[in-house]
Protein backbone atom coordinates (compact mmCIF):
# COMPACT_ATOMS: atom_id res chain seq x y z
CA UNK A 1 -29.32 19.04 -18.42
CA UNK A 2 -26.49 21.56 -18.06
CA UNK A 3 -26.72 24.57 -15.88
CA UNK A 4 -23.72 26.62 -16.94
CA UNK A 5 -25.13 29.71 -15.25
CA UNK A 6 -24.99 27.96 -11.85
CA UNK A 7 -22.13 29.05 -9.57
CA UNK A 8 -19.31 26.59 -8.82
CA UNK A 9 -19.69 27.13 -5.06
CA UNK A 10 -22.95 27.64 -3.19
CA UNK A 11 -23.47 28.97 0.30
CA UNK A 12 -24.60 26.38 2.83
CA UNK A 13 -28.18 26.72 4.04
CA UNK A 14 -27.33 25.44 7.52
CA UNK A 15 -26.82 28.94 8.90
CA UNK A 16 -23.03 28.87 8.59
CA UNK A 17 -20.77 30.88 6.32
CA UNK A 18 -19.46 27.75 4.61
CA UNK A 19 -19.61 26.95 0.92
CA UNK A 20 -19.94 23.64 -0.89
CA UNK A 21 -19.32 22.40 -4.42
CA UNK A 22 -22.36 22.83 -6.61
CA UNK A 23 -23.03 19.53 -8.44
CA UNK A 24 -25.25 21.31 -10.97
CA UNK A 25 -22.21 23.14 -12.37
CA UNK A 26 -19.87 20.96 -14.50
CA UNK A 27 -16.79 22.38 -12.75
CA UNK A 28 -18.35 21.78 -9.33
CA UNK A 29 -19.20 18.20 -10.30
CA UNK A 30 -15.64 17.64 -11.55
CA UNK A 31 -14.28 19.01 -8.25
CA UNK A 32 -16.52 16.57 -6.34
CA UNK A 33 -15.28 13.60 -8.37
CA UNK A 34 -11.61 14.68 -8.08
CA UNK A 35 -11.95 15.17 -4.31
CA UNK A 36 -13.53 11.73 -3.86
CA UNK A 37 -10.83 10.03 -5.95
CA UNK A 38 -8.05 11.84 -4.07
CA UNK A 39 -9.46 11.02 -0.63
CA UNK A 40 -10.10 7.40 -1.61
CA UNK A 41 -6.55 6.99 -2.91
CA UNK A 42 -5.08 8.51 0.26
CA UNK A 43 -7.19 6.21 2.44
CA UNK A 44 -6.00 3.14 0.52
CA UNK A 45 -2.36 4.29 0.80
CA UNK A 46 -2.80 4.88 4.53
CA UNK A 47 -4.37 1.45 5.06
CA UNK A 48 -1.54 -0.27 3.16
CA UNK A 49 1.19 1.97 4.63
CA UNK A 50 2.42 2.77 1.13
CA UNK A 51 3.62 5.90 -0.64
CA UNK A 52 4.09 8.86 1.72
CA UNK A 53 2.70 6.75 4.59
CA UNK A 54 5.32 4.01 4.28
CA UNK A 55 7.40 3.23 7.34
CA UNK A 56 10.96 4.52 7.19
CA UNK A 57 13.51 1.89 6.18
CA UNK A 58 15.12 -0.03 9.00
CA UNK A 59 18.53 1.39 9.91
CA UNK A 60 21.51 -0.62 8.77
CA UNK A 61 23.42 -2.40 11.46
CA UNK A 62 26.85 -0.93 12.04
CA UNK A 63 29.71 -2.95 10.72
CA UNK A 64 33.22 -1.77 11.47
CA UNK A 65 35.50 -1.17 8.50
CA UNK A 66 37.82 -4.00 7.54
CA UNK A 67 41.18 -3.85 9.26
CA UNK A 68 43.60 -3.48 6.40
CA UNK A 69 46.95 -3.55 8.24
CA UNK A 70 48.39 -6.77 9.64
CA UNK A 71 48.90 -7.09 13.36
CA UNK A 72 52.26 -5.81 14.56
CA UNK A 73 54.86 -8.50 14.83
CA UNK A 74 56.05 -9.52 18.25
CA UNK A 75 59.68 -9.35 19.25
CA UNK A 76 61.32 -12.33 20.90
CA UNK A 77 60.81 -10.60 24.26
CA UNK A 78 57.04 -10.39 23.64
CA UNK A 79 56.66 -6.59 23.21
CA UNK A 80 54.55 -5.57 20.26
CA UNK A 81 55.79 -3.19 17.62
CA UNK A 82 59.46 -4.10 17.84
CA UNK A 83 60.25 -6.45 15.02
CA UNK A 84 62.95 -9.05 15.13
CA UNK A 85 66.23 -8.00 13.51
């Protein structure tokens, strides 16, 4: 039983100015199903902390760069930086 002449949105009868999806219209019914699937998927992602609700990756620990130059040689007197002749 299709009611194509039914509006997609109907005014709420609760005395407010709100509208709701009309399940008698095929587009309104499709919007209800899409909304339920979307909300259900978001709730599952939130519960599992997945997708956009995933925790940020743990920061890498800082490791200093490798020291590429050898230590300065010591002179016979013990002062660094003055090489032996």
